[in-house]
């Protein structure tokens, strides 16, 4: 990671949906969700959104290298409402990933606790002693030239959860700079995309499902 140079794409934010309480965007791979430490990491999704929505508030994050659906709040009420939904696991998130190798089963579940790999931060690792519970359901979509396209449905929201879980079962996400190795790392981006987010609208509680097209 010492060779890392932050060079986010310069395209304007893609707004998927907006109303008086919410803004859904399609975050590109390579753009931080929130600012990092230092002026060279100030450019991020929330900063770009504040140009058009100065009142915008953070609800959740996607990793730098992950693309796809993010939701932001436009009011403190919406931020609290959505924050509780994420905390209580009432949202439904679906990701699409391309992983190394041909996955043999049609579907499965990874139930392995995760914690920080302190000597190698920001890496996470499976830790049965102090790790927090982490659960991921997955389903095979198809095989593609020696790789597999999967649908990933996290039931918890641990840092790097999908990335670590896929690596541990022997099928790291292609292009992952932290958890893939060898030829699995030689891709122009990490092949992980937040395809769909389902939640309850903070104004009235109706169900709302927003999706973003997969670019790989």
N, C-alpha and C. Protein backbone atom coordinates (compact mmCIF):
# COMPACT_ATOMS: atom_id res chain seq x y z
N UNK A 1 0.82 -1.21 0.00
CA UNK A 1 0.00 0.00 0.00
C UNK A 1 0.86 1.27 0.00
N UNK A 2 2.17 1.13 0.19
CA UNK A 2 3.04 2.30 0.19
C UNK A 2 3.09 2.95 -1.18
N UNK A 3 2.79 2.22 -2.23
CA UNK A 3 2.82 2.77 -3.59
C UNK A 3 1.48 3.38 -3.99
N UNK A 4 0.53 3.43 -3.09
CA UNK A 4 -0.81 3.91 -3.41
C UNK A 4 -0.79 5.40 -3.76
N UNK A 5 -1.42 5.72 -4.88
CA UNK A 5 -1.62 7.10 -5.28
C UNK A 5 -3.11 7.30 -5.51
N UNK A 6 -3.69 8.23 -4.81
CA UNK A 6 -5.13 8.47 -4.93
C UNK A 6 -5.41 9.28 -6.19
N UNK A 7 -6.09 8.65 -7.13
CA UNK A 7 -6.42 9.30 -8.39
C UNK A 7 -7.87 8.98 -8.75
N UNK A 8 -8.83 9.59 -8.06
CA UNK A 8 -10.24 9.25 -8.28
C UNK A 8 -10.73 9.71 -9.64
N UNK A 9 -11.74 9.00 -10.19
CA UNK A 9 -12.34 9.45 -11.45
C UNK A 9 -12.97 10.82 -11.27
N UNK A 10 -12.96 11.62 -12.34
CA UNK A 10 -13.41 13.01 -12.20
C UNK A 10 -14.84 13.23 -12.68
N UNK A 11 -15.59 12.17 -12.95
CA UNK A 11 -16.96 12.32 -13.44
C UNK A 11 -17.87 12.88 -12.35
N UNK A 12 -18.89 13.62 -12.77
CA UNK A 12 -19.87 14.16 -11.82
C UNK A 12 -20.66 13.03 -11.19
N UNK A 13 -21.17 13.22 -9.98
CA UNK A 13 -21.95 12.17 -9.31
C UNK A 13 -23.16 11.74 -10.14
N UNK A 14 -23.39 10.44 -10.20
CA UNK A 14 -24.57 9.89 -10.88
C UNK A 14 -25.67 9.72 -9.83
N UNK A 15 -26.71 10.54 -9.95
CA UNK A 15 -27.82 10.49 -9.00
C UNK A 15 -28.82 9.44 -9.48
N UNK A 16 -29.08 8.45 -8.65
CA UNK A 16 -30.01 7.38 -8.99
C UNK A 16 -31.45 7.71 -8.57
N UNK A 17 -31.56 8.47 -7.48
CA UNK A 17 -32.89 8.83 -6.94
C UNK A 17 -32.68 9.95 -5.93
N UNK A 18 -33.60 10.89 -5.90
CA UNK A 18 -33.56 11.92 -4.87
C UNK A 18 -34.97 12.38 -4.53
N UNK A 19 -35.16 12.75 -3.27
CA UNK A 19 -36.39 13.39 -2.83
C UNK A 19 -36.05 14.28 -1.64
N UNK A 20 -37.05 14.69 -0.87
CA UNK A 20 -36.83 15.65 0.20
C UNK A 20 -36.05 15.08 1.38
N UNK A 21 -35.90 13.75 1.45
CA UNK A 21 -35.22 13.12 2.57
C UNK A 21 -33.93 12.38 2.17
N UNK A 22 -33.88 11.89 0.93
CA UNK A 22 -32.82 10.96 0.54
C UNK A 22 -32.17 11.34 -0.78
N UNK A 23 -30.92 10.92 -0.94
CA UNK A 23 -30.23 10.96 -2.22
C UNK A 23 -29.49 9.64 -2.39
N UNK A 24 -29.79 8.92 -3.46
CA UNK A 24 -29.07 7.70 -3.80
C UNK A 24 -28.12 8.02 -4.95
N UNK A 25 -26.88 7.54 -4.84
CA UNK A 25 -25.89 7.77 -5.89
C UNK A 25 -25.23 6.45 -6.27
N UNK A 26 -24.60 6.47 -7.45
CA UNK A 26 -23.80 5.34 -7.92
C UNK A 26 -22.33 5.73 -7.75
N UNK A 27 -21.72 5.28 -6.67
CA UNK A 27 -20.32 5.66 -6.40
C UNK A 27 -19.39 4.90 -7.34
N UNK A 28 -18.49 5.60 -8.02
CA UNK A 28 -17.54 4.90 -8.88
C UNK A 28 -16.42 4.25 -8.06
N UNK A 29 -15.85 3.19 -8.59
CA UNK A 29 -14.66 2.61 -7.98
C UNK A 29 -13.53 3.62 -8.03
N UNK A 30 -12.74 3.67 -6.94
CA UNK A 30 -11.60 4.58 -6.90
C UNK A 30 -11.89 5.90 -6.22
N UNK A 31 -13.13 6.13 -5.79
CA UNK A 31 -13.50 7.37 -5.09
C UNK A 31 -13.84 7.05 -3.64
N UNK A 32 -13.23 7.77 -2.71
CA UNK A 32 -13.54 7.60 -1.30
C UNK A 32 -14.99 8.00 -1.01
N UNK A 33 -15.60 7.35 -0.03
CA UNK A 33 -16.94 7.74 0.40
C UNK A 33 -16.89 9.03 1.22
N UNK A 34 -15.89 9.14 2.09
CA UNK A 34 -15.68 10.30 2.96
C UNK A 34 -14.22 10.70 2.87
N UNK A 35 -13.85 11.89 3.33
CA UNK A 35 -12.46 12.31 3.21
C UNK A 35 -11.51 11.42 4.01
N UNK A 36 -10.31 11.24 3.45
CA UNK A 36 -9.26 10.58 4.19
C UNK A 36 -8.44 11.61 4.95
N UNK A 37 -7.31 11.19 5.51
CA UNK A 37 -6.45 12.09 6.26
C UNK A 37 -5.52 12.83 5.30
N UNK A 38 -5.56 14.14 5.38
CA UNK A 38 -4.69 14.95 4.54
C UNK A 38 -5.41 15.55 3.36
N UNK A 39 -4.92 16.68 2.84
CA UNK A 39 -5.59 17.37 1.73
C UNK A 39 -5.63 16.57 0.44
N UNK A 40 -4.67 15.65 0.26
CA UNK A 40 -4.66 14.86 -0.98
C UNK A 40 -5.76 13.82 -1.00
N UNK A 41 -6.44 13.60 0.13
CA UNK A 41 -7.55 12.64 0.20
C UNK A 41 -8.87 13.34 0.51
N UNK A 42 -8.95 14.62 0.20
CA UNK A 42 -10.16 15.38 0.51
C UNK A 42 -11.30 15.12 -0.47
N UNK A 43 -10.95 14.83 -1.71
CA UNK A 43 -11.98 14.57 -2.72
C UNK A 43 -12.67 13.25 -2.40
N UNK A 44 -14.00 13.29 -2.35
CA UNK A 44 -14.76 12.09 -1.97
C UNK A 44 -16.21 12.26 -2.40
N UNK A 45 -16.98 11.20 -2.23
CA UNK A 45 -18.38 11.21 -2.67
C UNK A 45 -19.20 12.27 -1.93
N UNK A 46 -19.05 12.34 -0.61
CA UNK A 46 -19.90 13.27 0.14
C UNK A 46 -19.51 14.72 -0.17
N UNK A 47 -18.22 14.99 -0.41
CA UNK A 47 -17.80 16.34 -0.75
C UNK A 47 -18.35 16.76 -2.11
N UNK A 48 -18.34 15.84 -3.06
CA UNK A 48 -18.90 16.15 -4.38
C UNK A 48 -20.39 16.39 -4.31
N UNK A 49 -21.07 15.60 -3.49
CA UNK A 49 -22.52 15.78 -3.38
C UNK A 49 -22.89 17.10 -2.72
N UNK A 50 -22.05 17.57 -1.82
CA UNK A 50 -22.37 18.81 -1.10
C UNK A 50 -22.35 20.03 -2.00
N UNK A 51 -21.81 19.90 -3.20
CA UNK A 51 -21.88 21.00 -4.16
C UNK A 51 -23.33 21.28 -4.52
N UNK A 52 -24.09 20.21 -4.73
CA UNK A 52 -25.51 20.37 -5.09
C UNK A 52 -26.47 20.18 -3.94
N UNK A 53 -26.00 19.48 -2.90
CA UNK A 53 -26.82 19.21 -1.72
C UNK A 53 -26.01 19.56 -0.47
N UNK A 54 -25.91 20.84 -0.14
CA UNK A 54 -25.04 21.25 0.98
C UNK A 54 -25.45 20.67 2.33
N UNK A 55 -26.69 20.20 2.43
CA UNK A 55 -27.20 19.67 3.70
C UNK A 55 -26.94 18.17 3.87
N UNK A 56 -26.28 17.54 2.90
CA UNK A 56 -26.18 16.08 2.85
C UNK A 56 -25.49 15.53 4.09
N UNK A 57 -25.96 14.35 4.55
CA UNK A 57 -25.43 13.71 5.76
C UNK A 57 -25.09 12.25 5.47
N UNK A 58 -24.03 11.77 6.07
CA UNK A 58 -23.55 10.42 5.85
C UNK A 58 -24.44 9.39 6.56
N UNK A 59 -24.68 8.27 5.89
CA UNK A 59 -25.43 7.16 6.48
C UNK A 59 -24.56 5.91 6.57
N UNK A 60 -23.85 5.57 5.51
CA UNK A 60 -22.98 4.39 5.47
C UNK A 60 -21.87 4.65 4.48
N UNK A 61 -20.98 3.69 4.32
CA UNK A 61 -19.84 3.86 3.43
C UNK A 61 -19.67 2.65 2.52
N UNK A 62 -19.01 2.88 1.41
CA UNK A 62 -18.47 1.80 0.58
C UNK A 62 -16.97 1.96 0.53
N UNK A 63 -16.25 0.83 0.44
CA UNK A 63 -14.80 0.89 0.31
C UNK A 63 -14.40 1.70 -0.91
N UNK A 64 -13.21 2.26 -0.86
CA UNK A 64 -12.65 3.02 -1.98
C UNK A 64 -12.78 2.27 -3.30
N UNK A 65 -12.45 0.99 -3.30
CA UNK A 65 -12.39 0.22 -4.55
C UNK A 65 -13.72 -0.41 -4.96
N UNK A 66 -14.76 -0.23 -4.15
CA UNK A 66 -16.09 -0.78 -4.45
C UNK A 66 -16.95 0.28 -5.11
N UNK A 67 -17.68 -0.10 -6.13
CA UNK A 67 -18.62 0.82 -6.79
C UNK A 67 -20.04 0.46 -6.38
N UNK A 68 -20.98 1.35 -6.74
CA UNK A 68 -22.38 1.00 -6.57
C UNK A 68 -23.20 1.91 -5.70
N UNK A 69 -24.36 1.41 -5.29
CA UNK A 69 -25.40 2.21 -4.64
C UNK A 69 -24.99 2.65 -3.24
N UNK A 70 -25.07 3.95 -3.02
CA UNK A 70 -24.96 4.53 -1.68
C UNK A 70 -26.16 5.43 -1.45
N UNK A 71 -26.61 5.51 -0.19
CA UNK A 71 -27.69 6.42 0.16
C UNK A 71 -27.16 7.45 1.16
N UNK A 72 -27.57 8.69 0.96
CA UNK A 72 -27.24 9.79 1.87
C UNK A 72 -28.54 10.41 2.34
N UNK A 73 -28.50 10.99 3.54
CA UNK A 73 -29.68 11.65 4.11
C UNK A 73 -29.62 13.15 3.85
N UNK A 74 -30.80 13.75 3.73
CA UNK A 74 -30.88 15.20 3.55
C UNK A 74 -31.37 15.91 4.80
N UNK A 75 -31.78 15.15 5.80
CA UNK A 75 -32.23 15.73 7.06
C UNK A 75 -31.69 14.89 8.22
N UNK A 76 -31.55 15.49 9.41
CA UNK A 76 -31.14 14.70 10.58
C UNK A 76 -32.11 13.56 10.88
N UNK A 77 -33.41 13.78 10.66
CA UNK A 77 -34.39 12.71 10.88
C UNK A 77 -34.11 11.52 9.97
N UNK A 78 -33.87 11.79 8.70
CA UNK A 78 -33.59 10.71 7.76
C UNK A 78 -32.30 9.99 8.14
N UNK A 79 -31.29 10.74 8.56
CA UNK A 79 -30.03 10.11 8.97
C UNK A 79 -30.24 9.16 10.16
N UNK A 80 -31.01 9.59 11.15
CA UNK A 80 -31.29 8.73 12.32
C UNK A 80 -32.08 7.50 11.90
N UNK A 81 -33.11 7.71 11.10
CA UNK A 81 -33.99 6.62 10.67
C UNK A 81 -33.21 5.56 9.89
N UNK A 82 -32.41 6.00 8.93
CA UNK A 82 -31.63 5.07 8.12
C UNK A 82 -30.53 4.42 8.95
N UNK A 83 -29.91 5.20 9.83
CA UNK A 83 -28.87 4.65 10.67
C UNK A 83 -29.37 3.49 11.51
N UNK A 84 -30.58 3.61 12.05
CA UNK A 84 -31.17 2.52 12.83
C UNK A 84 -31.47 1.31 11.96
N UNK A 85 -31.92 1.55 10.73
CA UNK A 85 -32.18 0.42 9.82
C UNK A 85 -30.91 -0.37 9.54
N UNK A 86 -29.81 0.33 9.30
CA UNK A 86 -28.53 -0.36 9.07
C UNK A 86 -28.09 -1.08 10.34
N UNK A 87 -28.22 -0.41 11.47
CA UNK A 87 -27.78 -0.99 12.74
C UNK A 87 -28.56 -2.25 13.09
N UNK A 88 -29.86 -2.23 12.82
CA UNK A 88 -30.73 -3.36 13.15
C UNK A 88 -30.84 -4.38 12.01
N UNK A 89 -30.02 -4.21 10.99
CA UNK A 89 -29.97 -5.13 9.84
C UNK A 89 -31.33 -5.24 9.14
N UNK A 90 -32.00 -4.11 9.00
CA UNK A 90 -33.31 -4.09 8.34
C UNK A 90 -33.20 -3.71 6.87
N UNK A 91 -32.01 -3.30 6.44
CA UNK A 91 -31.81 -3.04 5.02
C UNK A 91 -31.42 -4.34 4.33
N UNK A 92 -31.59 -4.38 3.03
CA UNK A 92 -31.16 -5.55 2.26
C UNK A 92 -30.20 -5.08 1.17
N UNK A 93 -28.98 -5.60 1.22
CA UNK A 93 -27.95 -5.19 0.27
C UNK A 93 -27.57 -6.37 -0.61
N UNK A 94 -27.46 -6.12 -1.90
CA UNK A 94 -27.03 -7.15 -2.85
C UNK A 94 -25.85 -6.62 -3.64
N UNK A 95 -24.78 -7.40 -3.67
CA UNK A 95 -23.57 -7.06 -4.40
C UNK A 95 -23.36 -8.07 -5.53
N UNK A 96 -22.67 -7.62 -6.57
CA UNK A 96 -22.20 -8.51 -7.63
C UNK A 96 -20.68 -8.51 -7.58
N UNK A 97 -20.09 -9.70 -7.66
CA UNK A 97 -18.63 -9.81 -7.63
C UNK A 97 -18.17 -10.83 -8.66
N UNK A 98 -17.00 -10.58 -9.21
CA UNK A 98 -16.29 -11.60 -9.98
C UNK A 98 -15.14 -12.09 -9.12
N UNK A 99 -15.05 -13.40 -8.97
CA UNK A 99 -14.04 -13.96 -8.09
C UNK A 99 -13.15 -14.95 -8.85
N UNK A 100 -11.99 -15.21 -8.29
CA UNK A 100 -11.04 -16.13 -8.91
C UNK A 100 -11.55 -17.56 -8.82
N UNK A 101 -11.32 -18.33 -9.88
CA UNK A 101 -11.66 -19.75 -9.87
C UNK A 101 -13.12 -20.02 -10.17
N UNK A 102 -13.41 -21.28 -10.40
CA UNK A 102 -14.79 -21.69 -10.67
C UNK A 102 -15.41 -22.26 -9.39
N UNK A 103 -16.34 -21.51 -8.84
CA UNK A 103 -17.02 -21.94 -7.62
C UNK A 103 -17.86 -23.18 -7.92
N UNK A 104 -17.69 -24.21 -7.12
CA UNK A 104 -18.34 -25.50 -7.43
C UNK A 104 -19.80 -25.53 -7.04
N UNK A 105 -20.14 -25.00 -5.88
CA UNK A 105 -21.53 -25.05 -5.42
C UNK A 105 -22.37 -23.95 -6.07
N UNK A 106 -23.67 -24.13 -6.02
CA UNK A 106 -24.58 -23.12 -6.59
C UNK A 106 -24.83 -21.98 -5.61
N UNK A 107 -24.73 -22.26 -4.32
CA UNK A 107 -24.96 -21.23 -3.31
C UNK A 107 -24.31 -21.68 -2.01
N UNK A 108 -24.22 -20.77 -1.07
CA UNK A 108 -23.63 -21.11 0.21
C UNK A 108 -23.69 -19.95 1.17
N UNK A 109 -23.11 -20.16 2.33
CA UNK A 109 -23.08 -19.15 3.37
C UNK A 109 -21.72 -19.18 4.06
N UNK A 110 -21.17 -18.00 4.33
CA UNK A 110 -19.92 -17.89 5.08
C UNK A 110 -20.25 -17.25 6.42
N UNK A 111 -19.97 -17.97 7.49
CA UNK A 111 -20.26 -17.50 8.85
C UNK A 111 -18.95 -17.53 9.62
N UNK A 112 -18.17 -16.44 9.51
CA UNK A 112 -16.86 -16.36 10.14
C UNK A 112 -16.68 -14.98 10.75
N UNK A 113 -16.33 -14.89 12.04
CA UNK A 113 -16.16 -13.59 12.70
C UNK A 113 -14.93 -12.86 12.20
N UNK A 114 -15.01 -11.53 12.15
CA UNK A 114 -13.94 -10.72 11.60
C UNK A 114 -13.44 -9.68 12.59
N UNK A 115 -12.16 -9.41 12.53
CA UNK A 115 -11.54 -8.37 13.34
C UNK A 115 -10.39 -7.74 12.58
N UNK A 116 -9.82 -6.69 13.15
CA UNK A 116 -8.72 -5.98 12.51
C UNK A 116 -7.44 -6.80 12.61
N UNK A 117 -6.73 -6.87 11.50
CA UNK A 117 -5.39 -7.47 11.48
C UNK A 117 -4.42 -6.33 11.82
N UNK A 118 -4.23 -6.08 13.11
CA UNK A 118 -3.56 -4.86 13.57
C UNK A 118 -2.18 -4.62 12.94
N UNK A 119 -1.31 -5.63 12.83
CA UNK A 119 0.00 -5.35 12.23
C UNK A 119 -0.08 -5.00 10.75
N UNK A 120 -1.21 -5.32 10.13
CA UNK A 120 -1.34 -5.11 8.68
C UNK A 120 -2.55 -4.26 8.34
N UNK A 121 -2.87 -3.32 9.21
CA UNK A 121 -4.01 -2.44 8.91
C UNK A 121 -3.84 -1.77 7.56
N UNK A 122 -4.92 -1.57 6.77
CA UNK A 122 -6.33 -1.74 7.15
C UNK A 122 -6.91 -3.14 6.92
N UNK A 123 -6.06 -4.13 6.73
CA UNK A 123 -6.55 -5.48 6.49
C UNK A 123 -7.36 -5.98 7.69
N UNK A 124 -8.38 -6.78 7.36
CA UNK A 124 -9.18 -7.47 8.35
C UNK A 124 -8.87 -8.96 8.25
N UNK A 125 -9.27 -9.73 9.28
CA UNK A 125 -8.99 -11.16 9.26
C UNK A 125 -10.04 -11.91 10.07
N UNK A 126 -10.14 -13.20 9.81
CA UNK A 126 -11.01 -14.05 10.61
C UNK A 126 -10.37 -14.20 11.99
N UNK A 127 -11.17 -13.96 13.04
CA UNK A 127 -10.67 -14.08 14.41
C UNK A 127 -11.78 -14.64 15.29
N UNK A 128 -11.61 -15.90 15.71
CA UNK A 128 -12.64 -16.56 16.51
C UNK A 128 -12.60 -16.12 17.97
N UNK A 129 -11.52 -15.48 18.39
CA UNK A 129 -11.42 -15.06 19.78
C UNK A 129 -12.08 -13.70 20.02
N UNK A 130 -11.71 -12.71 19.23
CA UNK A 130 -12.20 -11.35 19.48
C UNK A 130 -12.97 -10.75 18.30
N UNK A 131 -13.11 -11.50 17.21
CA UNK A 131 -13.80 -10.98 16.04
C UNK A 131 -15.29 -10.80 16.28
N UNK A 132 -15.89 -9.93 15.49
CA UNK A 132 -17.33 -9.69 15.56
C UNK A 132 -18.05 -10.60 14.55
N UNK A 133 -19.25 -11.08 14.88
CA UNK A 133 -19.96 -11.98 13.97
C UNK A 133 -20.11 -11.37 12.58
N UNK A 134 -19.90 -12.19 11.56
CA UNK A 134 -20.04 -11.74 10.17
C UNK A 134 -20.63 -12.87 9.35
N UNK A 135 -21.69 -12.55 8.61
CA UNK A 135 -22.44 -13.57 7.88
C UNK A 135 -22.71 -13.09 6.46
N UNK A 136 -22.35 -13.92 5.50
CA UNK A 136 -22.54 -13.60 4.08
C UNK A 136 -23.20 -14.76 3.36
N UNK A 137 -24.33 -14.51 2.70
CA UNK A 137 -24.93 -15.48 1.79
C UNK A 137 -24.43 -15.19 0.38
N UNK A 138 -24.25 -16.25 -0.40
CA UNK A 138 -23.81 -16.04 -1.78
C UNK A 138 -24.51 -17.02 -2.71
N UNK A 139 -24.59 -16.63 -3.98
CA UNK A 139 -25.19 -17.50 -5.00
C UNK A 139 -24.41 -17.32 -6.30
N UNK A 140 -24.17 -18.43 -6.97
CA UNK A 140 -23.45 -18.41 -8.25
C UNK A 140 -24.38 -17.92 -9.35
N UNK A 141 -23.91 -16.96 -10.13
CA UNK A 141 -24.65 -16.50 -11.30
C UNK A 141 -24.20 -17.28 -12.53
N UNK A 142 -22.88 -17.32 -12.76
CA UNK A 142 -22.34 -18.10 -13.88
C UNK A 142 -20.82 -18.15 -13.77
N UNK A 143 -20.24 -19.08 -14.52
CA UNK A 143 -18.79 -19.15 -14.66
C UNK A 143 -18.39 -18.33 -15.88
N UNK A 144 -17.23 -17.68 -15.78
CA UNK A 144 -16.75 -16.81 -16.86
C UNK A 144 -15.25 -17.01 -17.05
N UNK A 145 -14.86 -17.79 -18.02
CA UNK A 145 -13.45 -17.92 -18.41
C UNK A 145 -12.54 -18.19 -17.22
N UNK A 146 -12.87 -19.21 -16.46
CA UNK A 146 -12.04 -19.58 -15.33
C UNK A 146 -12.31 -18.80 -14.06
N UNK A 147 -13.27 -17.88 -14.11
CA UNK A 147 -13.66 -17.12 -12.92
C UNK A 147 -15.16 -17.36 -12.67
N UNK A 148 -15.67 -16.77 -11.63
CA UNK A 148 -17.10 -16.93 -11.31
C UNK A 148 -17.72 -15.58 -10.99
N UNK A 149 -18.94 -15.41 -11.44
CA UNK A 149 -19.72 -14.22 -11.09
C UNK A 149 -20.72 -14.63 -10.01
N UNK A 150 -20.68 -13.91 -8.90
CA UNK A 150 -21.50 -14.26 -7.75
C UNK A 150 -22.42 -13.11 -7.36
N UNK A 151 -23.52 -13.48 -6.74
CA UNK A 151 -24.39 -12.53 -6.04
C UNK A 151 -24.11 -12.68 -4.55
N UNK A 152 -23.71 -11.60 -3.91
CA UNK A 152 -23.35 -11.62 -2.49
C UNK A 152 -24.37 -10.83 -1.69
N UNK A 153 -24.83 -11.43 -0.61
CA UNK A 153 -25.87 -10.80 0.22
C UNK A 153 -25.41 -10.79 1.68
N UNK A 154 -24.71 -9.74 2.09
CA UNK A 154 -24.22 -9.66 3.46
C UNK A 154 -25.36 -9.49 4.45
N UNK A 155 -25.32 -10.24 5.53
CA UNK A 155 -26.32 -10.12 6.59
C UNK A 155 -25.81 -9.25 7.73
N UNK A 156 -24.51 -8.99 7.73
CA UNK A 156 -23.89 -8.06 8.67
C UNK A 156 -23.08 -7.06 7.85
N UNK A 157 -22.55 -6.04 8.50
CA UNK A 157 -21.85 -4.99 7.76
C UNK A 157 -20.46 -4.73 8.28
N UNK A 158 -19.66 -5.77 8.42
CA UNK A 158 -18.30 -5.61 8.91
C UNK A 158 -17.38 -5.03 7.83
N UNK A 159 -16.34 -4.36 8.27
CA UNK A 159 -15.37 -3.80 7.35
C UNK A 159 -14.72 -4.91 6.52
N UNK A 160 -14.71 -4.72 5.21
CA UNK A 160 -14.09 -5.67 4.26
C UNK A 160 -14.72 -7.06 4.33
N UNK A 161 -15.94 -7.15 4.82
CA UNK A 161 -16.56 -8.47 5.05
C UNK A 161 -16.58 -9.35 3.81
N UNK A 162 -17.11 -8.82 2.71
CA UNK A 162 -17.23 -9.64 1.51
C UNK A 162 -15.85 -10.02 0.96
N UNK A 163 -14.92 -9.12 1.06
CA UNK A 163 -13.58 -9.34 0.52
C UNK A 163 -12.86 -10.44 1.29
N UNK A 164 -12.94 -10.39 2.62
CA UNK A 164 -12.28 -11.41 3.43
C UNK A 164 -12.98 -12.75 3.30
N UNK A 165 -14.32 -12.74 3.35
CA UNK A 165 -15.05 -14.00 3.25
C UNK A 165 -14.78 -14.71 1.94
N UNK A 166 -14.71 -13.98 0.84
CA UNK A 166 -14.43 -14.63 -0.44
C UNK A 166 -13.00 -15.18 -0.47
N UNK A 167 -12.06 -14.42 0.08
CA UNK A 167 -10.68 -14.92 0.12
C UNK A 167 -10.58 -16.19 0.94
N UNK A 168 -11.25 -16.21 2.09
CA UNK A 168 -11.14 -17.35 3.00
C UNK A 168 -11.69 -18.63 2.39
N UNK A 169 -12.72 -18.52 1.54
CA UNK A 169 -13.26 -19.74 0.93
C UNK A 169 -12.52 -20.10 -0.36
N UNK A 170 -11.42 -19.37 -0.64
CA UNK A 170 -10.57 -19.73 -1.76
C UNK A 170 -10.90 -19.05 -3.07
N UNK A 171 -11.75 -18.04 -3.05
CA UNK A 171 -12.15 -17.35 -4.28
C UNK A 171 -12.11 -15.84 -4.07
N UNK A 172 -10.89 -15.27 -3.96
CA UNK A 172 -10.78 -13.82 -3.73
C UNK A 172 -11.41 -13.02 -4.87
N UNK A 173 -11.89 -11.84 -4.53
CA UNK A 173 -12.48 -10.96 -5.53
C UNK A 173 -11.38 -10.45 -6.46
N UNK A 174 -11.61 -10.55 -7.75
CA UNK A 174 -10.62 -10.15 -8.75
C UNK A 174 -10.29 -8.66 -8.61
N UNK A 175 -9.00 -8.36 -8.69
CA UNK A 175 -8.56 -6.97 -8.61
C UNK A 175 -8.49 -6.40 -7.22
N UNK A 176 -8.73 -7.22 -6.20
CA UNK A 176 -8.69 -6.73 -4.82
C UNK A 176 -7.23 -6.46 -4.43
N UNK A 177 -6.88 -5.20 -4.11
CA UNK A 177 -5.48 -4.87 -3.83
C UNK A 177 -4.99 -5.40 -2.49
N UNK A 178 -5.90 -5.77 -1.61
CA UNK A 178 -5.50 -6.26 -0.29
C UNK A 178 -5.56 -7.77 -0.14
N UNK A 179 -6.55 -8.41 -0.75
CA UNK A 179 -6.80 -9.82 -0.44
C UNK A 179 -6.60 -10.76 -1.62
N UNK A 180 -6.43 -10.23 -2.82
CA UNK A 180 -6.12 -11.08 -3.98
C UNK A 180 -4.61 -11.12 -4.18
N UNK A 181 -4.15 -12.15 -4.88
CA UNK A 181 -2.72 -12.27 -5.16
C UNK A 181 -2.53 -12.88 -6.54
N UNK A 182 -1.31 -12.78 -7.05
CA UNK A 182 -1.01 -13.37 -8.36
C UNK A 182 -1.85 -12.75 -9.46
N UNK A 183 -2.29 -13.59 -10.40
CA UNK A 183 -3.06 -13.08 -11.53
C UNK A 183 -4.44 -12.56 -11.12
N UNK A 184 -4.96 -13.02 -9.99
CA UNK A 184 -6.26 -12.53 -9.52
C UNK A 184 -6.22 -11.05 -9.18
N UNK A 185 -5.03 -10.54 -8.98
CA UNK A 185 -4.89 -9.12 -8.63
C UNK A 185 -4.72 -8.24 -9.86
N UNK A 186 -4.43 -8.84 -11.00
CA UNK A 186 -4.09 -8.08 -12.20
C UNK A 186 -5.32 -7.64 -12.98
N UNK A 187 -6.13 -6.81 -12.37
CA UNK A 187 -7.33 -6.27 -13.02
C UNK A 187 -7.36 -4.76 -12.83
N UNK A 188 -7.99 -4.04 -13.75
CA UNK A 188 -7.97 -2.57 -13.68
C UNK A 188 -8.72 -2.00 -12.49
N UNK A 189 -9.58 -2.81 -11.87
CA UNK A 189 -10.33 -2.37 -10.70
C UNK A 189 -10.75 -3.59 -9.90
N UNK A 190 -11.21 -3.37 -8.68
CA UNK A 190 -11.75 -4.47 -7.91
C UNK A 190 -13.16 -4.79 -8.41
N UNK A 191 -13.41 -6.06 -8.68
CA UNK A 191 -14.67 -6.48 -9.28
C UNK A 191 -15.74 -6.73 -8.21
N UNK A 192 -16.10 -5.66 -7.52
CA UNK A 192 -17.14 -5.70 -6.50
C UNK A 192 -18.03 -4.48 -6.66
N UNK A 193 -19.34 -4.72 -6.77
CA UNK A 193 -20.29 -3.64 -7.06
C UNK A 193 -21.53 -3.80 -6.19
N UNK A 194 -21.89 -2.73 -5.50
CA UNK A 194 -23.12 -2.72 -4.71
C UNK A 194 -24.29 -2.52 -5.66
N UNK A 195 -24.92 -3.62 -6.04
CA UNK A 195 -25.94 -3.60 -7.10
C UNK A 195 -27.26 -3.02 -6.64
N UNK A 196 -27.69 -3.38 -5.43
CA UNK A 196 -29.05 -3.01 -5.01
C UNK A 196 -29.11 -2.76 -3.52
N UNK A 197 -29.91 -1.76 -3.14
CA UNK A 197 -30.15 -1.44 -1.73
C UNK A 197 -31.64 -1.27 -1.50
N UNK A 198 -32.16 -2.05 -0.56
CA UNK A 198 -33.57 -1.97 -0.19
C UNK A 198 -33.68 -1.49 1.24
N UNK A 199 -34.58 -0.51 1.45
CA UNK A 199 -34.77 0.05 2.78
C UNK A 199 -36.17 0.64 2.89
N UNK A 200 -36.48 1.09 4.09
CA UNK A 200 -37.77 1.76 4.32
C UNK A 200 -37.56 3.27 4.30
N UNK A 201 -38.43 3.97 3.58
CA UNK A 201 -38.30 5.42 3.49
C UNK A 201 -38.56 6.06 4.85
N UNK A 202 -37.72 7.01 5.26
CA UNK A 202 -37.90 7.63 6.57
C UNK A 202 -39.18 8.46 6.70
N UNK A 203 -39.79 8.80 5.59
CA UNK A 203 -41.06 9.53 5.61
C UNK A 203 -42.19 8.58 5.25
N UNK A 204 -42.72 7.89 6.24
CA UNK A 204 -43.87 7.00 6.02
C UNK A 204 -43.54 5.52 6.04
N UNK A 205 -42.28 5.16 5.84
CA UNK A 205 -41.88 3.76 5.98
C UNK A 205 -42.12 2.87 4.78
N UNK A 206 -42.47 3.44 3.63
CA UNK A 206 -42.69 2.59 2.46
C UNK A 206 -41.38 1.96 1.99
N UNK A 207 -41.47 0.78 1.38
CA UNK A 207 -40.29 0.12 0.87
C UNK A 207 -39.73 0.85 -0.35
N UNK A 208 -38.42 0.91 -0.43
CA UNK A 208 -37.77 1.58 -1.55
C UNK A 208 -36.56 0.74 -1.97
N UNK A 209 -36.50 0.40 -3.25
CA UNK A 209 -35.40 -0.40 -3.79
C UNK A 209 -34.73 0.38 -4.92
N UNK A 210 -33.43 0.62 -4.77
CA UNK A 210 -32.67 1.35 -5.78
C UNK A 210 -31.52 0.46 -6.24
N UNK A 211 -31.29 0.43 -7.56
CA UNK A 211 -30.21 -0.39 -8.09
C UNK A 211 -29.34 0.41 -9.05
N UNK A 212 -28.13 -0.08 -9.26
CA UNK A 212 -27.17 0.55 -10.17
C UNK A 212 -26.57 -0.52 -11.07
N UNK A 213 -26.42 -0.21 -12.35
CA UNK A 213 -25.90 -1.17 -13.31
C UNK A 213 -24.46 -1.56 -12.98
N UNK A 214 -24.16 -2.81 -13.27
CA UNK A 214 -22.80 -3.32 -13.06
C UNK A 214 -21.96 -2.96 -14.29
N UNK A 215 -20.77 -2.42 -14.03
CA UNK A 215 -19.92 -1.96 -15.14
C UNK A 215 -18.85 -2.97 -15.54
N UNK A 216 -18.90 -4.19 -15.01
CA UNK A 216 -17.90 -5.21 -15.38
C UNK A 216 -18.58 -6.54 -15.63
